[in-house]
Amino acid sequence: MIRHTVAFRLKHPLGSAAEGDFLRAACALAQISGVQNFECLRQTSPKNSFTFGLSMEFADEAAYTFYSSHPDHTAFVQTRWIPEVAEFMELDYVAHVP
């Protein structure tokens, strides 16, 4: 299982219609085959400047690769993410077995 997460801050004002539109478009990514346990999250800690997060899981590397190269995902990145996200940090996890 791979857990894909990204924390981000938008260029849009908090609570704006543009912010809501972006988040709805991001949530549509949950419809891509192989995406499991999708969550759109709002940051509550003052410890960093990120305001939102996305988290999702994939059964394996093949499912993650399918998502990453899916036309809906690549279009979202080019038309929404790049122009509308001010900063982000992406983390991908697999279970650590000591």
PDB file of N, CA and C in Angstrom:
ATOM      1  N   MET A   1       0.839  -1.170   0.000  1.00  0.00           N
ATOM      2  CA  MET A   1       0.000   0.000   0.000  1.00  0.00           C
ATOM      3  C   MET A   1       0.892   1.243   0.000  1.00  0.00           C
ATOM      4  N   ILE A   2       0.528   2.208  -0.817  1.00  0.00           N
ATOM      5  CA  ILE A   2       1.221   3.501  -0.875  1.00  0.00           C
ATOM      6  C   ILE A   2       0.233   4.572  -0.436  1.00  0.00           C
ATOM      7  N   ARG A   3       0.646   5.398   0.504  1.00  0.00           N
ATOM      8  CA  ARG A   3      -0.160   6.547   0.915  1.00  0.00           C
ATOM      9  C   ARG A   3       0.483   7.792   0.311  1.00  0.00           C
ATOM     10  N   HIS A   4      -0.276   8.451  -0.541  1.00  0.00           N
ATOM     11  CA  HIS A   4       0.171   9.661  -1.234  1.00  0.00           C
ATOM     12  C   HIS A   4      -0.477  10.852  -0.535  1.00  0.00           C
ATOM     13  N   THR A   5       0.359  11.788  -0.083  1.00  0.00           N
ATOM     14  CA  THR A   5      -0.157  12.970   0.606  1.00  0.00           C
ATOM     15  C   THR A   5       0.493  14.220   0.034  1.00  0.00           C
ATOM     16  N   VAL A   6      -0.254  15.302   0.087  1.00  0.00           N
ATOM     17  CA  VAL A   6       0.298  16.591  -0.311  1.00  0.00           C
ATOM     18  C   VAL A   6      -0.339  17.666   0.564  1.00  0.00           C
ATOM     19  N   ALA A   7       0.509  18.507   1.148  1.00  0.00           N
ATOM     20  CA  ALA A   7       0.064  19.668   1.906  1.00  0.00           C
ATOM     21  C   ALA A   7       0.318  20.881   1.022  1.00  0.00           C
ATOM     22  N   PHE A   8      -0.625  21.840   1.035  1.00  0.00           N
ATOM     23  CA  PHE A   8      -0.480  22.962   0.112  1.00  0.00           C
ATOM     24  C   PHE A   8      -1.188  24.211   0.603  1.00  0.00           C
ATOM     25  N   ARG A   9      -0.810  25.333  -0.026  1.00  0.00           N
ATOM     26  CA  ARG A   9      -1.446  26.630   0.182  1.00  0.00           C
ATOM     27  C   ARG A   9      -1.792  27.175  -1.189  1.00  0.00           C
ATOM     28  N   LEU A  10      -3.000  27.644  -1.321  1.00  0.00           N
ATOM     29  CA  LEU A  10      -3.455  28.198  -2.599  1.00  0.00           C
ATOM     30  C   LEU A  10      -3.130  29.686  -2.712  1.00  0.00           C
ATOM     31  N   LYS A  11      -3.138  30.177  -3.920  1.00  0.00           N
ATOM     32  CA  LYS A  11      -2.969  31.603  -4.185  1.00  0.00           C
ATOM     33  C   LYS A  11      -4.269  32.363  -3.916  1.00  0.00           C
ATOM     34  N   HIS A  12      -5.385  31.651  -3.845  1.00  0.00           N
ATOM     35  CA  HIS A  12      -6.696  32.267  -3.655  1.00  0.00           C
ATOM     36  C   HIS A  12      -6.919  32.687  -2.204  1.00  0.00           C
ATOM     37  N   PRO A  13      -7.729  33.725  -1.989  1.00  0.00           N
ATOM     38  CA  PRO A  13      -8.075  34.107  -0.612  1.00  0.00           C
ATOM     39  C   PRO A  13      -8.846  32.981   0.086  1.00  0.00           C
ATOM     40  N   LEU A  14      -8.604  32.841   1.394  1.00  0.00           N
ATOM     41  CA  LEU A  14      -9.315  31.838   2.168  1.00  0.00           C
ATOM     42  C   LEU A  14     -10.815  32.082   2.111  1.00  0.00           C
ATOM     43  N   GLY A  15     -11.553  31.027   1.883  1.00  0.00           N
ATOM     44  CA  GLY A  15     -13.009  31.120   1.832  1.00  0.00           C
ATOM     45  C   GLY A  15     -13.574  31.643   0.529  1.00  0.00           C
ATOM     46  N   SER A  16     -12.732  31.904  -0.442  1.00  0.00           N
ATOM     47  CA  SER A  16     -13.204  32.471  -1.712  1.00  0.00           C
ATOM     48  C   SER A  16     -13.867  31.413  -2.592  1.00  0.00           C
ATOM     49  N   ALA A  17     -14.635  31.881  -3.554  1.00  0.00           N
ATOM     50  CA  ALA A  17     -15.254  30.974  -4.524  1.00  0.00           C
ATOM     51  C   ALA A  17     -14.185  30.230  -5.314  1.00  0.00           C
ATOM     52  N   ALA A  18     -13.090  30.895  -5.637  1.00  0.00           N
ATOM     53  CA  ALA A  18     -12.006  30.255  -6.388  1.00  0.00           C
ATOM     54  C   ALA A  18     -11.383  29.124  -5.575  1.00  0.00           C
ATOM     55  N   GLU A  19     -11.234  29.329  -4.274  1.00  0.00           N
ATOM     56  CA  GLU A  19     -10.721  28.279  -3.403  1.00  0.00           C
ATOM     57  C   GLU A  19     -11.661  27.071  -3.433  1.00  0.00           C
ATOM     58  N   GLY A  20     -12.939  27.313  -3.266  1.00  0.00           N
ATOM     59  CA  GLY A  20     -13.918  26.231  -3.291  1.00  0.00           C
ATOM     60  C   GLY A  20     -13.926  25.488  -4.614  1.00  0.00           C
ATOM     61  N   ASP A  21     -13.815  26.227  -5.699  1.00  0.00           N
ATOM     62  CA  ASP A  21     -13.792  25.608  -7.023  1.00  0.00           C
ATOM     63  C   ASP A  21     -12.572  24.709  -7.184  1.00  0.00           C
ATOM     64  N   PHE A  22     -11.418  25.171  -6.724  1.00  0.00           N
ATOM     65  CA  PHE A  22     -10.200  24.373  -6.800  1.00  0.00           C
ATOM     66  C   PHE A  22     -10.354  23.088  -5.989  1.00  0.00           C
ATOM     67  N   LEU A  23     -10.851  23.202  -4.769  1.00  0.00           N
ATOM     68  CA  LEU A  23     -10.991  22.027  -3.907  1.00  0.00           C
ATOM     69  C   LEU A  23     -11.980  21.016  -4.485  1.00  0.00           C
ATOM     70  N   ARG A  24     -13.058  21.479  -5.082  1.00  0.00           N
ATOM     71  CA  ARG A  24     -14.000  20.561  -5.751  1.00  0.00           C
ATOM     72  C   ARG A  24     -13.314  19.841  -6.909  1.00  0.00           C
ATOM     73  N   ALA A  25     -12.515  20.568  -7.673  1.00  0.00           N
ATOM     74  CA  ALA A  25     -11.787  19.945  -8.789  1.00  0.00           C
ATOM     75  C   ALA A  25     -10.779  18.921  -8.264  1.00  0.00           C
ATOM     76  N   ALA A  26     -10.113  19.234  -7.162  1.00  0.00           N
ATOM     77  CA  ALA A  26      -9.156  18.297  -6.573  1.00  0.00           C
ATOM     78  C   ALA A  26      -9.875  17.038  -6.099  1.00  0.00           C
ATOM     79  N   CYS A  27     -11.033  17.197  -5.495  1.00  0.00           N
ATOM     80  CA  CYS A  27     -11.784  16.042  -4.989  1.00  0.00           C
ATOM     81  C   CYS A  27     -12.265  15.130  -6.113  1.00  0.00           C
ATOM     82  N   ALA A  28     -12.411  15.652  -7.305  1.00  0.00           N
ATOM     83  CA  ALA A  28     -12.814  14.823  -8.450  1.00  0.00           C
ATOM     84  C   ALA A  28     -11.749  13.782  -8.783  1.00  0.00           C
ATOM     85  N   LEU A  29     -10.512  14.011  -8.348  1.00  0.00           N
ATOM     86  CA  LEU A  29      -9.441  13.034  -8.587  1.00  0.00           C
ATOM     87  C   LEU A  29      -9.728  11.705  -7.895  1.00  0.00           C
ATOM     88  N   ALA A  30     -10.582  11.717  -6.889  1.00  0.00           N
ATOM     89  CA  ALA A  30     -10.947  10.486  -6.176  1.00  0.00           C
ATOM     90  C   ALA A  30     -11.651   9.493  -7.085  1.00  0.00           C
ATOM     91  N   GLN A  31     -12.174   9.964  -8.211  1.00  0.00           N
ATOM     92  CA  GLN A  31     -12.892   9.097  -9.138  1.00  0.00           C
ATOM     93  C   GLN A  31     -11.971   8.286 -10.047  1.00  0.00           C
ATOM     94  N   ILE A  32     -10.694   8.592 -10.048  1.00  0.00           N
ATOM     95  CA  ILE A  32      -9.749   7.853 -10.884  1.00  0.00           C
ATOM     96  C   ILE A  32      -9.601   6.444 -10.324  1.00  0.00           C
ATOM     97  N   SER A  33      -9.659   5.479 -11.191  1.00  0.00           N
ATOM     98  CA  SER A  33      -9.559   4.079 -10.786  1.00  0.00           C
ATOM     99  C   SER A  33      -8.284   3.820  -9.989  1.00  0.00           C
ATOM    100  N   GLY A  34      -8.434   3.110  -8.880  1.00  0.00           N
ATOM    101  CA  GLY A  34      -7.300   2.767  -8.043  1.00  0.00           C
ATOM    102  C   GLY A  34      -7.119   3.658  -6.834  1.00  0.00           C
ATOM    103  N   VAL A  35      -7.761   4.833  -6.826  1.00  0.00           N
ATOM    104  CA  VAL A  35      -7.673   5.737  -5.678  1.00  0.00           C
ATOM    105  C   VAL A  35      -8.545   5.181  -4.557  1.00  0.00           C
ATOM    106  N   GLN A  36      -7.958   5.063  -3.377  1.00  0.00           N
ATOM    107  CA  GLN A  36      -8.688   4.571  -2.208  1.00  0.00           C
ATOM    108  C   GLN A  36      -8.539   5.561  -1.057  1.00  0.00           C
ATOM    109  N   ASN A  37      -9.540   5.615  -0.212  1.00  0.00           N
ATOM    110  CA  ASN A  37      -9.487   6.406   1.031  1.00  0.00           C
ATOM    111  C   ASN A  37      -9.070   7.861   0.791  1.00  0.00           C
ATOM    112  N   PHE A  38      -9.646   8.473  -0.229  1.00  0.00           N
ATOM    113  CA  PHE A  38      -9.328   9.862  -0.569  1.00  0.00           C
ATOM    114  C   PHE A  38      -9.883  10.795   0.508  1.00  0.00           C
ATOM    115  N   GLU A  39      -9.059  11.757   0.915  1.00  0.00           N
ATOM    116  CA  GLU A  39      -9.504  12.783   1.856  1.00  0.00           C
ATOM    117  C   GLU A  39      -8.983  14.144   1.428  1.00  0.00           C
ATOM    118  N   CYS A  40      -9.839  15.139   1.543  1.00  0.00           N
ATOM    119  CA  CYS A  40      -9.435  16.539   1.385  1.00  0.00           C
ATOM    120  C   CYS A  40      -9.472  17.122   2.790  1.00  0.00           C
ATOM    121  N   LEU A  41      -8.360  17.676   3.235  1.00  0.00           N
ATOM    122  CA  LEU A  41      -8.192  18.069   4.629  1.00  0.00           C
ATOM    123  C   LEU A  41      -7.860  19.547   4.767  1.00  0.00           C
ATOM    124  N   ARG A  42      -8.330  20.142   5.859  1.00  0.00           N
ATOM    125  CA  ARG A  42      -7.987  21.525   6.167  1.00  0.00           C
ATOM    126  C   ARG A  42      -6.980  21.520   7.315  1.00  0.00           C
ATOM    127  N   GLN A  43      -5.895  22.220   7.142  1.00  0.00           N
ATOM    128  CA  GLN A  43      -4.822  22.322   8.146  1.00  0.00           C
ATOM    129  C   GLN A  43      -5.316  23.156   9.330  1.00  0.00           C
ATOM    130  N   THR A  44      -5.026  22.712  10.536  1.00  0.00           N
ATOM    131  CA  THR A  44      -5.422  23.458  11.725  1.00  0.00           C
ATOM    132  C   THR A  44      -4.240  23.934  12.558  1.00  0.00           C
ATOM    133  N   SER A  45      -3.057  23.461  12.266  1.00  0.00           N
ATOM    134  CA  SER A  45      -1.881  23.823  13.059  1.00  0.00           C
ATOM    135  C   SER A  45      -1.241  25.116  12.555  1.00  0.00           C
ATOM    136  N   PRO A  46      -0.807  25.967  13.470  1.00  0.00           N
ATOM    137  CA  PRO A  46      -0.087  27.183  13.062  1.00  0.00           C
ATOM    138  C   PRO A  46       1.402  26.930  12.817  1.00  0.00           C
ATOM    139  N   LYS A  47       1.843  25.682  12.836  1.00  0.00           N
ATOM    140  CA  LYS A  47       3.263  25.359  12.745  1.00  0.00           C
ATOM    141  C   LYS A  47       3.829  25.455  11.328  1.00  0.00           C
ATOM    142  N   ASN A  48       2.969  25.618  10.330  1.00  0.00           N
ATOM    143  CA  ASN A  48       3.449  25.774   8.952  1.00  0.00           C
ATOM    144  C   ASN A  48       2.467  26.629   8.179  1.00  0.00           C
ATOM    145  N   SER A  49       2.800  26.963   6.962  1.00  0.00           N
ATOM    146  CA  SER A  49       1.967  27.873   6.176  1.00  0.00           C
ATOM    147  C   SER A  49       0.970  27.161   5.265  1.00  0.00           C
ATOM    148  N   PHE A  50       0.945  25.838   5.285  1.00  0.00           N
ATOM    149  CA  PHE A  50       0.000  25.112   4.441  1.00  0.00           C
ATOM    150  C   PHE A  50      -1.415  25.240   5.014  1.00  0.00           C
ATOM    151  N   THR A  51      -2.402  25.267   4.146  1.00  0.00           N
ATOM    152  CA  THR A  51      -3.787  25.415   4.600  1.00  0.00           C
ATOM    153  C   THR A  51      -4.653  24.194   4.304  1.00  0.00           C
ATOM    154  N   PHE A  52      -4.238  23.375   3.342  1.00  0.00           N
ATOM    155  CA  PHE A  52      -5.019  22.197   2.962  1.00  0.00           C
ATOM    156  C   PHE A  52      -4.116  20.997   2.741  1.00  0.00           C
ATOM    157  N   GLY A  53      -4.731  19.846   2.703  1.00  0.00           N
ATOM    158  CA  GLY A  53      -4.012  18.631   2.386  1.00  0.00           C
ATOM    159  C   GLY A  53      -4.892  17.678   1.613  1.00  0.00           C
ATOM    160  N   LEU A  54      -4.272  16.839   0.820  1.00  0.00           N
ATOM    161  CA  LEU A  54      -4.946  15.739   0.149  1.00  0.00           C
ATOM    162  C   LEU A  54      -4.233  14.467   0.570  1.00  0.00           C
ATOM    163  N   SER A  55      -4.997  13.430   0.813  1.00  0.00           N
ATOM    164  CA  SER A  55      -4.433  12.146   1.185  1.00  0.00           C
ATOM    165  C   SER A  55      -5.206  11.057   0.457  1.00  0.00           C
ATOM    166  N   MET A  56      -4.489  10.087  -0.059  1.00  0.00           N
ATOM    167  CA  MET A  56      -5.134   8.966  -0.745  1.00  0.00           C
ATOM    168  C   MET A  56      -4.206   7.770  -0.674  1.00  0.00           C
ATOM    169  N   GLU A  57      -4.776   6.612  -0.907  1.00  0.00           N
ATOM    170  CA  GLU A  57      -4.001   5.382  -0.861  1.00  0.00           C
ATOM    171  C   GLU A  57      -4.151   4.617  -2.166  1.00  0.00           C
ATOM    172  N   PHE A  58      -3.122   3.821  -2.451  1.00  0.00           N
ATOM    173  CA  PHE A  58      -3.095   2.963  -3.630  1.00  0.00           C
ATOM    174  C   PHE A  58      -2.662   1.578  -3.198  1.00  0.00           C
ATOM    175  N   ALA A  59      -3.251   0.570  -3.787  1.00  0.00           N
ATOM    176  CA  ALA A  59      -2.951  -0.811  -3.406  1.00  0.00           C
ATOM    177  C   ALA A  59      -1.494  -1.171  -3.659  1.00  0.00           C
ATOM    178  N   ASP A  60      -0.920  -0.609  -4.735  1.00  0.00           N
ATOM    179  CA  ASP A  60       0.448  -0.973  -5.102  1.00  0.00           C
ATOM    180  C   ASP A  60       1.033   0.076  -6.049  1.00  0.00           C
ATOM    181  N   GLU A  61       2.269  -0.149  -6.440  1.00  0.00           N
ATOM    182  CA  GLU A  61       2.972   0.786  -7.326  1.00  0.00           C
ATOM    183  C   GLU A  61       2.260   0.934  -8.669  1.00  0.00           C
ATOM    184  N   ALA A  62       1.692  -0.144  -9.179  1.00  0.00           N
ATOM    185  CA  ALA A  62       0.986  -0.081 -10.468  1.00  0.00           C
ATOM    186  C   ALA A  62      -0.216   0.852 -10.386  1.00  0.00           C
ATOM    187  N   ALA A  63      -0.971   0.785  -9.301  1.00  0.00           N
ATOM    188  CA  ALA A  63      -2.134   1.664  -9.136  1.00  0.00           C
ATOM    189  C   ALA A  63      -1.695   3.116  -8.997  1.00  0.00           C
ATOM    190  N   TYR A  64      -0.597   3.345  -8.273  1.00  0.00           N
ATOM    191  CA  TYR A  64      -0.077   4.704  -8.109  1.00  0.00           C
ATOM    192  C   TYR A  64       0.414   5.261  -9.448  1.00  0.00           C
ATOM    193  N   THR A  65       1.099   4.454 -10.205  1.00  0.00           N
ATOM    194  CA  THR A  65       1.586   4.879 -11.519  1.00  0.00           C
ATOM    195  C   THR A  65       0.424   5.176 -12.459  1.00  0.00           C
ATOM    196  N   PHE A  66      -0.607   4.339 -12.414  1.00  0.00           N
ATOM    197  CA  PHE A  66      -1.794   4.569 -13.241  1.00  0.00           C
ATOM    198  C   PHE A  66      -2.406   5.929 -12.912  1.00  0.00           C
ATOM    199  N   TYR A  67      -2.555   6.223 -11.631  1.00  0.00           N
ATOM    200  CA  TYR A  67      -3.100   7.507 -11.196  1.00  0.00           C
ATOM    201  C   TYR A  67      -2.222   8.666 -11.664  1.00  0.00           C
ATOM    202  N   SER A  68      -0.923   8.549 -11.429  1.00  0.00           N
ATOM    203  CA  SER A  68       0.008   9.634 -11.755  1.00  0.00           C
ATOM    204  C   SER A  68      -0.005  10.002 -13.231  1.00  0.00           C
ATOM    205  N   SER A  69      -0.195   9.009 -14.082  1.00  0.00           N
ATOM    206  CA  SER A  69      -0.166   9.268 -15.522  1.00  0.00           C
ATOM    207  C   SER A  69      -1.560   9.368 -16.136  1.00  0.00           C
ATOM    208  N   HIS A  70      -2.597   9.258 -15.319  1.00  0.00           N
ATOM    209  CA  HIS A  70      -3.969   9.331 -15.834  1.00  0.00           C
ATOM    210  C   HIS A  70      -4.223  10.720 -16.429  1.00  0.00           C
ATOM    211  N   PRO A  71      -4.910  10.800 -17.568  1.00  0.00           N
ATOM    212  CA  PRO A  71      -5.157  12.097 -18.207  1.00  0.00           C
ATOM    213  C   PRO A  71      -5.890  13.104 -17.311  1.00  0.00           C
ATOM    214  N   ASP A  72      -6.804  12.646 -16.465  1.00  0.00           N
ATOM    215  CA  ASP A  72      -7.499  13.581 -15.568  1.00  0.00           C
ATOM    216  C   ASP A  72      -6.532  14.176 -14.545  1.00  0.00           C
ATOM    217  N   HIS A  73      -5.611  13.368 -14.044  1.00  0.00           N
ATOM    218  CA  HIS A  73      -4.624  13.863 -13.080  1.00  0.00           C
ATOM    219  C   HIS A  73      -3.637  14.815 -13.747  1.00  0.00           C
ATOM    220  N   THR A  74      -3.108  14.424 -14.888  1.00  0.00           N
ATOM    221  CA  THR A  74      -2.124  15.286 -15.552  1.00  0.00           C
ATOM    222  C   THR A  74      -2.759  16.609 -16.002  1.00  0.00           C
ATOM    223  N   ALA A  75      -4.018  16.567 -16.437  1.00  0.00           N
ATOM    224  CA  ALA A  75      -4.710  17.809 -16.809  1.00  0.00           C
ATOM    225  C   ALA A  75      -4.923  18.691 -15.587  1.00  0.00           C
ATOM    226  N   PHE A  76      -5.310  18.098 -14.457  1.00  0.00           N
ATOM    227  CA  PHE A  76      -5.491  18.864 -13.224  1.00  0.00           C
ATOM    228  C   PHE A  76      -4.184  19.545 -12.823  1.00  0.00           C
ATOM    229  N   VAL A  77      -3.090  18.827 -12.877  1.00  0.00           N
ATOM    230  CA  VAL A  77      -1.795  19.401 -12.504  1.00  0.00           C
ATOM    231  C   VAL A  77      -1.459  20.591 -13.401  1.00  0.00           C
ATOM    232  N   GLN A  78      -1.648  20.437 -14.703  1.00  0.00           N
ATOM    233  CA  GLN A  78      -1.271  21.503 -15.639  1.00  0.00           C
ATOM    234  C   GLN A  78      -2.215  22.705 -15.588  1.00  0.00           C
ATOM    235  N   THR A  79      -3.517  22.451 -15.499  1.00  0.00           N
ATOM    236  CA  THR A  79      -4.485  23.547 -15.614  1.00  0.00           C
ATOM    237  C   THR A  79      -4.916  24.145 -14.291  1.00  0.00           C
ATOM    238  N   ARG A  80      -4.758  23.419 -13.191  1.00  0.00           N
ATOM    239  CA  ARG A  80      -5.207  23.931 -11.897  1.00  0.00           C
ATOM    240  C   ARG A  80      -4.056  24.032 -10.897  1.00  0.00           C
ATOM    241  N   TRP A  81      -3.336  22.917 -10.686  1.00  0.00           N
ATOM    242  CA  TRP A  81      -2.317  22.878  -9.627  1.00  0.00           C
ATOM    243  C   TRP A  81      -1.209  23.899  -9.876  1.00  0.00           C
ATOM    244  N   ILE A  82      -0.573  23.834 -11.017  1.00  0.00           N
ATOM    245  CA  ILE A  82       0.566  24.717 -11.291  1.00  0.00           C
ATOM    246  C   ILE A  82       0.174  26.189 -11.212  1.00  0.00           C
ATOM    247  N   PRO A  83      -0.934  26.605 -11.833  1.00  0.00           N
ATOM    248  CA  PRO A  83      -1.246  28.038 -11.760  1.00  0.00           C
ATOM    249  C   PRO A  83      -1.856  28.506 -10.432  1.00  0.00           C
ATOM    250  N   GLU A  84      -2.451  27.596  -9.640  1.00  0.00           N
ATOM    251  CA  GLU A  84      -3.220  28.046  -8.475  1.00  0.00           C
ATOM    252  C   GLU A  84      -2.600  27.738  -7.117  1.00  0.00           C
ATOM    253  N   VAL A  85      -1.587  26.877  -7.058  1.00  0.00           N
ATOM    254  CA  VAL A  85      -0.971  26.509  -5.784  1.00  0.00           C
ATOM    255  C   VAL A  85       0.270  27.372  -5.546  1.00  0.00           C
ATOM    256  N   ALA A  86       0.303  28.001  -4.381  1.00  0.00           N
ATOM    257  CA  ALA A  86       1.419  28.887  -4.033  1.00  0.00           C
ATOM    258  C   ALA A  86       2.631  28.099  -3.540  1.00  0.00           C
ATOM    259  N   GLU A  87       2.389  27.069  -2.721  1.00  0.00           N
ATOM    260  CA  GLU A  87       3.479  26.229  -2.227  1.00  0.00           C
ATOM    261  C   GLU A  87       2.897  24.894  -1.807  1.00  0.00           C
ATOM    262  N   PHE A  88       3.751  23.867  -1.825  1.00  0.00           N
ATOM    263  CA  PHE A  88       3.279  22.544  -1.427  1.00  0.00           C
ATOM    264  C   PHE A  88       4.448  21.662  -1.006  1.00  0.00           C
ATOM    265  N   MET A  89       4.083  20.580  -0.329  1.00  0.00           N
ATOM    266  CA  MET A  89       5.032  19.530   0.009  1.00  0.00           C
ATOM    267  C   MET A  89       4.314  18.197  -0.222  1.00  0.00           C
ATOM    268  N   GLU A  90       4.935  17.351  -1.027  1.00  0.00           N
ATOM    269  CA  GLU A  90       4.358  16.053  -1.364  1.00  0.00           C
ATOM    270  C   GLU A  90       5.155  14.955  -0.661  1.00  0.00           C
ATOM    271  N   LEU A  91       4.429  14.012  -0.065  1.00  0.00           N
ATOM    272  CA  LEU A  91       5.051  12.891   0.626  1.00  0.00           C
ATOM    273  C   LEU A  91       4.328  11.614   0.216  1.00  0.00           C
ATOM    274  N   ASP A  92       5.094  10.583  -0.067  1.00  0.00           N
ATOM    275  CA  ASP A  92       4.544   9.278  -0.395  1.00  0.00           C
ATOM    276  C   ASP A  92       5.136   8.269   0.584  1.00  0.00           C
ATOM    277  N   TYR A  93       4.264   7.475   1.172  1.00  0.00           N
ATOM    278  CA  TYR A  93       4.686   6.552   2.213  1.00  0.00           C
ATOM    279  C   TYR A  93       4.330   5.108   1.875  1.00  0.00           C
ATOM    280  N   VAL A  94       5.165   4.214   2.327  1.00  0.00           N
ATOM    281  CA  VAL A  94       4.845   2.773   2.406  1.00  0.00           C
ATOM    282  C   VAL A  94       5.115   2.389   3.856  1.00  0.00           C
ATOM    283  N   ALA A  95       4.478   1.318   4.294  1.00  0.00           N
ATOM    284  CA  ALA A  95       4.670   0.887   5.679  1.00  0.00           C
ATOM    285  C   ALA A  95       6.125   0.514   5.918  1.00  0.00           C
ATOM    286  N   HIS A  96       6.650   0.945   7.037  1.00  0.00           N
ATOM    287  CA  HIS A  96       8.013   0.613   7.433  1.00  0.00           C
ATOM    288  C   HIS A  96       7.957  -0.598   8.341  1.00  0.00           C
ATOM    289  N   VAL A  97       8.687  -1.609   7.975  1.00  0.00           N
ATOM    290  CA  VAL A  97       8.739  -2.817   8.787  1.00  0.00           C
ATOM    291  C   VAL A  97      10.138  -2.924   9.384  1.00  0.00           C
ATOM    292  N   PRO A  98      10.278  -2.621  10.686  1.00  0.00           N
ATOM    293  CA  PRO A  98      11.607  -2.660  11.299  1.00  0.00           C
ATOM    294  C   PRO A  98      12.176  -4.073  11.397  1.00  0.00           C
TER     295      PRO A  98
END
